[in-house]
Amino acid sequence: HVSCLPGTRKKTLTAIRHWANDNNTTNRMFCLLDVAGSGKSTVAKTMADEWKAENRLVARFFFSRDTAETMSTKSFCSTVATTFAACNNTFEASMKRYMQTQPDWQLLPLEEQFEGIVSGPLRKCQQPAILMIDALDECGKEHGVRGKLLKMLFSQYHSVSLLRILVTGRPESDIKN
C-alpha cells in the first residue's frame, strides 16, 4: 500500500492523530470501517509511516484473503511480537524469555499466545504502543477464527494500559459489534 496523497483524508487522519495522542481518553481502540476501496489501508499506511518516523512503538498486521497465512490468525501473535521486538530491546528480551520458558507457545490458544509474547512484554517495556490491524474483515470466519480474535482483543487490550489498537475493515456486523 501507498500513503495518502498530500491534502487528502485530512479529517480522518486528524481524528486518528487526536485519538492516538489523547492521554485522557478511555477509548483505546479506533475502528476505521468503510466500504471496499475507500482507502482504509492507505490511511493505515500513512499513520504507520508517521508513527515509525516519530519512533513510536508500532506493529501492523494486514489480513488478506489471498493466502491461508494472511487470512488466519496463525501468525498474528508472532508477527506482532516480532515487529514490536524490533523496536524495543526490553520487549524483545521479555518475549524471548517467554518463548524459552514455554517452547510450545505456538500450540497455545490465541489469547495465551498474545498474553505471553505481546501483552506481557508490553507491560514490561512500559512504552506506549500502537497495534494496527488492517483489513480485519479479511480474517477468515471459518471455525470462528475472527470471532476468537475479536474476543481476545477486547479482553486483552484492557490489560495493557499503554496499548492502543487501530482497526480497519469493512463494516461487517461482527466487527461493528
C-alpha atoms as a PDB file:
ATOM      1  CA  HIS A   1       0.000   0.000   0.000  1.00  0.00           C
ATOM      2  CA  VAL A   2       0.996   3.591  -0.520  1.00  0.00           C
ATOM      3  CA  SER A   3       0.481   6.577   1.766  1.00  0.00           C
ATOM      4  CA  CYS A   4      -2.286   9.133   1.308  1.00  0.00           C
ATOM      5  CA  LEU A   5      -1.666  11.822  -1.267  1.00  0.00           C
ATOM      6  CA  PRO A   6      -0.859  15.205   0.289  1.00  0.00           C
ATOM      7  CA  GLY A   7      -4.013  17.069   1.276  1.00  0.00           C
ATOM      8  CA  THR A   8      -6.305  14.033   1.208  1.00  0.00           C
ATOM      9  CA  ARG A   9      -8.154  12.300   4.067  1.00  0.00           C
ATOM     10  CA  LYS A  10      -7.363  15.260   6.341  1.00  0.00           C
ATOM     11  CA  LYS A  11     -10.346  14.792   8.693  1.00  0.00           C
ATOM     12  CA  THR A  12      -9.734  11.068   9.096  1.00  0.00           C
ATOM     13  CA  LEU A  13      -6.003  11.482   9.711  1.00  0.00           C
ATOM     14  CA  THR A  14      -6.635  14.310  12.194  1.00  0.00           C
ATOM     15  CA  ALA A  15      -9.163  12.172  14.092  1.00  0.00           C
ATOM     16  CA  ILE A  16      -6.707   9.257  14.298  1.00  0.00           C
ATOM     17  CA  ARG A  17      -3.856  11.520  15.422  1.00  0.00           C
ATOM     18  CA  HIS A  18      -6.067  13.057  18.100  1.00  0.00           C
ATOM     19  CA  TRP A  19      -7.119   9.604  19.336  1.00  0.00           C
ATOM     20  CA  ALA A  20      -3.508   8.362  19.405  1.00  0.00           C
ATOM     21  CA  ASN A  21      -2.233  11.397  21.300  1.00  0.00           C
ATOM     22  CA  ASP A  22      -5.107  11.873  23.771  1.00  0.00           C
ATOM     23  CA  ASN A  23      -3.780  10.567  27.078  1.00  0.00           C
ATOM     24  CA  ASN A  24      -7.134  11.184  28.760  1.00  0.00           C
ATOM     25  CA  THR A  25      -9.260   9.008  26.501  1.00  0.00           C
ATOM     26  CA  THR A  26     -10.679   5.789  27.842  1.00  0.00           C
ATOM     27  CA  ASN A  27     -11.260   4.538  24.304  1.00  0.00           C
ATOM     28  CA  ARG A  28      -8.028   2.857  23.332  1.00  0.00           C
ATOM     29  CA  MET A  29      -9.465   1.243  20.192  1.00  0.00           C
ATOM     30  CA  PHE A  30     -10.146   3.173  16.979  1.00  0.00           C
ATOM     31  CA  CYS A  31     -12.145   1.467  14.237  1.00  0.00           C
ATOM     32  CA  LEU A  32     -11.971   2.811  10.701  1.00  0.00           C
ATOM     33  CA  LEU A  33     -14.759   0.914   8.981  1.00  0.00           C
ATOM     34  CA  ASP A  34     -15.868   1.663   5.423  1.00  0.00           C
ATOM     35  CA  VAL A  35     -16.687   0.022   2.090  1.00  0.00           C
ATOM     36  CA  ALA A  36     -14.106  -1.751  -0.073  1.00  0.00           C
ATOM     37  CA  GLY A  37     -11.787   0.585  -1.964  1.00  0.00           C
ATOM     38  CA  SER A  38     -12.405   3.615   0.252  1.00  0.00           C
ATOM     39  CA  GLY A  39      -8.728   3.981   1.241  1.00  0.00           C
ATOM     40  CA  LYS A  40      -8.682   2.459   4.730  1.00  0.00           C
ATOM     41  CA  SER A  41      -5.382   0.658   4.154  1.00  0.00           C
ATOM     42  CA  THR A  42      -3.884   3.789   2.628  1.00  0.00           C
ATOM     43  CA  VAL A  43      -4.811   5.704   5.787  1.00  0.00           C
ATOM     44  CA  ALA A  44      -3.316   2.914   7.919  1.00  0.00           C
ATOM     45  CA  LYS A  45      -0.089   3.005   5.876  1.00  0.00           C
ATOM     46  CA  THR A  46       0.099   6.790   6.258  1.00  0.00           C
ATOM     47  CA  MET A  47      -0.267   6.567  10.033  1.00  0.00           C
ATOM     48  CA  ALA A  48       2.186   3.644  10.312  1.00  0.00           C
ATOM     49  CA  ASP A  49       4.818   5.619   8.406  1.00  0.00           C
ATOM     50  CA  GLU A  50       4.195   8.728  10.503  1.00  0.00           C
ATOM     51  CA  TRP A  51       4.352   6.860  13.813  1.00  0.00           C
ATOM     52  CA  LYS A  52       7.501   4.978  12.816  1.00  0.00           C
ATOM     53  CA  ALA A  53       9.153   8.284  11.871  1.00  0.00           C
ATOM     54  CA  GLU A  54       8.255   9.528  15.377  1.00  0.00           C
ATOM     55  CA  ASN A  55       9.936   6.400  16.850  1.00  0.00           C
ATOM     56  CA  ARG A  56       6.681   5.183  18.339  1.00  0.00           C
ATOM     57  CA  LEU A  57       6.275   1.504  19.118  1.00  0.00           C
ATOM     58  CA  VAL A  58       4.083   0.306  16.229  1.00  0.00           C
ATOM     59  CA  ALA A  59       3.174  -3.116  14.882  1.00  0.00           C
ATOM     60  CA  ARG A  60       0.946  -3.741  11.879  1.00  0.00           C
ATOM     61  CA  PHE A  61      -0.800  -6.917  10.784  1.00  0.00           C
ATOM     62  CA  PHE A  62      -2.500  -6.968   7.394  1.00  0.00           C
ATOM     63  CA  PHE A  63      -5.145  -9.611   6.820  1.00  0.00           C
ATOM     64  CA  SER A  64      -5.720 -10.742   3.249  1.00  0.00           C
ATOM     65  CA  ARG A  65      -7.837 -13.446   1.663  1.00  0.00           C
ATOM     66  CA  ASP A  66      -5.015 -14.076  -0.837  1.00  0.00           C
ATOM     67  CA  THR A  67      -3.224 -16.717   1.248  1.00  0.00           C
ATOM     68  CA  ALA A  68      -4.127 -19.089   4.066  1.00  0.00           C
ATOM     69  CA  GLU A  69      -1.365 -17.497   6.173  1.00  0.00           C
ATOM     70  CA  THR A  70      -2.751 -13.953   5.925  1.00  0.00           C
ATOM     71  CA  MET A  71      -6.425 -14.818   6.296  1.00  0.00           C
ATOM     72  CA  SER A  72      -5.943 -16.657   9.578  1.00  0.00           C
ATOM     73  CA  THR A  73      -4.624 -15.718  12.988  1.00  0.00           C
ATOM     74  CA  LYS A  74      -1.943 -18.424  12.881  1.00  0.00           C
ATOM     75  CA  SER A  75       0.924 -15.934  12.531  1.00  0.00           C
ATOM     76  CA  PHE A  76      -0.849 -12.942  14.096  1.00  0.00           C
ATOM     77  CA  CYS A  77       0.833 -13.007  17.522  1.00  0.00           C
ATOM     78  CA  SER A  78       4.307 -13.878  16.258  1.00  0.00           C
ATOM     79  CA  THR A  79       4.187 -11.177  13.558  1.00  0.00           C
ATOM     80  CA  VAL A  80       3.012  -8.520  16.007  1.00  0.00           C
ATOM     81  CA  ALA A  81       5.541  -9.581  18.650  1.00  0.00           C
ATOM     82  CA  THR A  82       8.447  -9.676  16.194  1.00  0.00           C
ATOM     83  CA  THR A  83       7.589  -6.201  14.932  1.00  0.00           C
ATOM     84  CA  PHE A  84       7.384  -4.734  18.446  1.00  0.00           C
ATOM     85  CA  ALA A  85      10.614  -6.550  19.398  1.00  0.00           C
ATOM     86  CA  ALA A  86      12.466  -4.920  16.501  1.00  0.00           C
ATOM     87  CA  CYS A  87      11.638  -1.524  18.030  1.00  0.00           C
ATOM     88  CA  ASN A  88      12.240  -2.145  21.740  1.00  0.00           C
ATOM     89  CA  ASN A  89      15.003  -4.185  23.428  1.00  0.00           C
ATOM     90  CA  THR A  90      13.080  -4.639  26.690  1.00  0.00           C
ATOM     91  CA  PHE A  91      10.119  -6.015  24.764  1.00  0.00           C
ATOM     92  CA  GLU A  92      12.398  -8.329  22.792  1.00  0.00           C
ATOM     93  CA  ALA A  93      14.108  -9.707  25.910  1.00  0.00           C
ATOM     94  CA  SER A  94      10.781 -10.358  27.632  1.00  0.00           C
ATOM     95  CA  MET A  95       9.318 -12.017  24.543  1.00  0.00           C
ATOM     96  CA  LYS A  96      12.370 -14.273  24.097  1.00  0.00           C
ATOM     97  CA  ARG A  97      12.339 -15.201  27.785  1.00  0.00           C
ATOM     98  CA  TYR A  98       8.715 -16.299  27.473  1.00  0.00           C
ATOM     99  CA  MET A  99       9.444 -18.313  24.310  1.00  0.00           C
ATOM    100  CA  GLN A 100      12.328 -20.095  26.037  1.00  0.00           C
ATOM    101  CA  THR A 101      10.310 -20.979  29.130  1.00  0.00           C
ATOM    102  CA  GLN A 102       7.311 -22.014  27.022  1.00  0.00           C
ATOM    103  CA  PRO A 103       8.798 -23.829  23.988  1.00  0.00           C
ATOM    104  CA  ASP A 104       5.359 -24.975  22.781  1.00  0.00           C
ATOM    105  CA  TRP A 105       3.902 -21.429  22.857  1.00  0.00           C
ATOM    106  CA  GLN A 106       2.803 -21.692  19.192  1.00  0.00           C
ATOM    107  CA  LEU A 107       0.438 -24.527  20.159  1.00  0.00           C
ATOM    108  CA  LEU A 108      -1.294 -22.469  22.842  1.00  0.00           C
ATOM    109  CA  PRO A 109      -4.667 -20.778  22.268  1.00  0.00           C
ATOM    110  CA  LEU A 110      -4.547 -17.345  20.653  1.00  0.00           C
ATOM    111  CA  GLU A 111      -5.277 -15.486  23.906  1.00  0.00           C
ATOM    112  CA  GLU A 112      -2.418 -17.242  25.742  1.00  0.00           C
ATOM    113  CA  GLN A 113      -0.018 -16.543  22.873  1.00  0.00           C
ATOM    114  CA  PHE A 114      -0.994 -12.877  22.862  1.00  0.00           C
ATOM    115  CA  GLU A 115      -0.556 -12.616  26.623  1.00  0.00           C
ATOM    116  CA  GLY A 116       2.815 -14.386  26.548  1.00  0.00           C
ATOM    117  CA  ILE A 117       4.542 -12.720  23.624  1.00  0.00           C
ATOM    118  CA  VAL A 118       2.666  -9.409  23.230  1.00  0.00           C
ATOM    119  CA  SER A 119       0.771  -8.199  26.321  1.00  0.00           C
ATOM    120  CA  GLY A 120       3.278  -9.370  28.923  1.00  0.00           C
ATOM    121  CA  PRO A 121       6.292  -7.861  27.139  1.00  0.00           C
ATOM    122  CA  LEU A 122       4.382  -4.613  26.515  1.00  0.00           C
ATOM    123  CA  ARG A 123       3.656  -4.266  30.228  1.00  0.00           C
ATOM    124  CA  LYS A 124       7.365  -4.808  30.970  1.00  0.00           C
ATOM    125  CA  CYS A 125       8.653  -2.238  28.480  1.00  0.00           C
ATOM    126  CA  GLN A 126       6.241   0.447  29.744  1.00  0.00           C
ATOM    127  CA  GLN A 127       6.184   2.288  26.414  1.00  0.00           C
ATOM    128  CA  PRO A 128       3.042   3.443  24.612  1.00  0.00           C
ATOM    129  CA  ALA A 129       2.360   1.119  21.700  1.00  0.00           C
ATOM    130  CA  ILE A 130       0.009   1.039  18.735  1.00  0.00           C
ATOM    131  CA  LEU A 131      -1.203  -2.203  17.197  1.00  0.00           C
ATOM    132  CA  MET A 132      -2.645  -1.745  13.724  1.00  0.00           C
ATOM    133  CA  ILE A 133      -4.917  -4.451  12.391  1.00  0.00           C
ATOM    134  CA  ASP A 134      -5.579  -3.730   8.750  1.00  0.00           C
ATOM    135  CA  ALA A 135      -8.415  -5.365   6.777  1.00  0.00           C
ATOM    136  CA  LEU A 136      -9.868  -7.233   9.747  1.00  0.00           C
ATOM    137  CA  ASP A 137     -12.833  -8.230   7.577  1.00  0.00           C
ATOM    138  CA  GLU A 138     -10.460 -10.432   5.555  1.00  0.00           C
ATOM    139  CA  CYS A 139      -9.679 -12.566   8.583  1.00  0.00           C
ATOM    140  CA  GLY A 140     -11.485 -15.827   7.889  1.00  0.00           C
ATOM    141  CA  LYS A 141     -14.723 -16.523   9.715  1.00  0.00           C
ATOM    142  CA  GLU A 142     -14.332 -20.310   9.380  1.00  0.00           C
ATOM    143  CA  HIS A 143     -14.240 -22.108  12.707  1.00  0.00           C
ATOM    144  CA  GLY A 144     -14.925 -18.792  14.447  1.00  0.00           C
ATOM    145  CA  VAL A 145     -11.367 -17.512  13.863  1.00  0.00           C
ATOM    146  CA  ARG A 146     -12.319 -13.837  13.535  1.00  0.00           C
ATOM    147  CA  GLY A 147     -14.687 -14.101  16.492  1.00  0.00           C
ATOM    148  CA  LYS A 148     -11.887 -15.537  18.641  1.00  0.00           C
ATOM    149  CA  LEU A 149      -9.571 -12.710  17.587  1.00  0.00           C
ATOM    150  CA  LEU A 150     -12.189 -10.059  18.365  1.00  0.00           C
ATOM    151  CA  LYS A 151     -12.937 -11.611  21.748  1.00  0.00           C
ATOM    152  CA  MET A 152      -9.221 -11.836  22.553  1.00  0.00           C
ATOM    153  CA  LEU A 153      -8.583  -8.219  21.526  1.00  0.00           C
ATOM    154  CA  PHE A 154     -11.472  -6.992  23.625  1.00  0.00           C
ATOM    155  CA  SER A 155     -10.334  -8.886  26.703  1.00  0.00           C
ATOM    156  CA  GLN A 156      -6.586  -8.326  26.306  1.00  0.00           C
ATOM    157  CA  TYR A 157      -6.397  -4.688  25.352  1.00  0.00           C
ATOM    158  CA  HIS A 158      -7.744  -3.746  28.793  1.00  0.00           C
ATOM    159  CA  SER A 159      -4.781  -5.493  30.428  1.00  0.00           C
ATOM    160  CA  VAL A 160      -2.171  -3.288  28.744  1.00  0.00           C
ATOM    161  CA  SER A 161      -2.949   0.318  29.592  1.00  0.00           C
ATOM    162  CA  LEU A 162      -0.376   1.751  27.156  1.00  0.00           C
ATOM    163  CA  LEU A 163      -1.689  -0.233  24.152  1.00  0.00           C
ATOM    164  CA  ARG A 164      -3.875   1.389  21.515  1.00  0.00           C
ATOM    165  CA  ILE A 165      -5.412  -0.631  18.703  1.00  0.00           C
ATOM    166  CA  LEU A 166      -6.270   0.813  15.287  1.00  0.00           C
ATOM    167  CA  VAL A 167      -8.536  -1.479  13.264  1.00  0.00           C
ATOM    168  CA  THR A 168      -9.538  -1.067   9.623  1.00  0.00           C
ATOM    169  CA  GLY A 169     -12.060  -3.149   7.753  1.00  0.00           C
ATOM    170  CA  ARG A 170     -15.419  -3.319   6.078  1.00  0.00           C
ATOM    171  CA  PRO A 171     -18.343  -2.622   8.398  1.00  0.00           C
ATOM    172  CA  GLU A 172     -19.429  -6.231   8.872  1.00  0.00           C
ATOM    173  CA  SER A 173     -21.831  -6.810  11.750  1.00  0.00           C
ATOM    174  CA  ASP A 174     -19.471  -8.851  13.962  1.00  0.00           C
ATOM    175  CA  ILE A 175     -16.746  -6.227  13.638  1.00  0.00           C
ATOM    176  CA  LYS A 176     -19.132  -3.329  14.316  1.00  0.00           C
ATOM    177  CA  ASN A 177     -20.438  -5.064  17.426  1.00  0.00           C
END
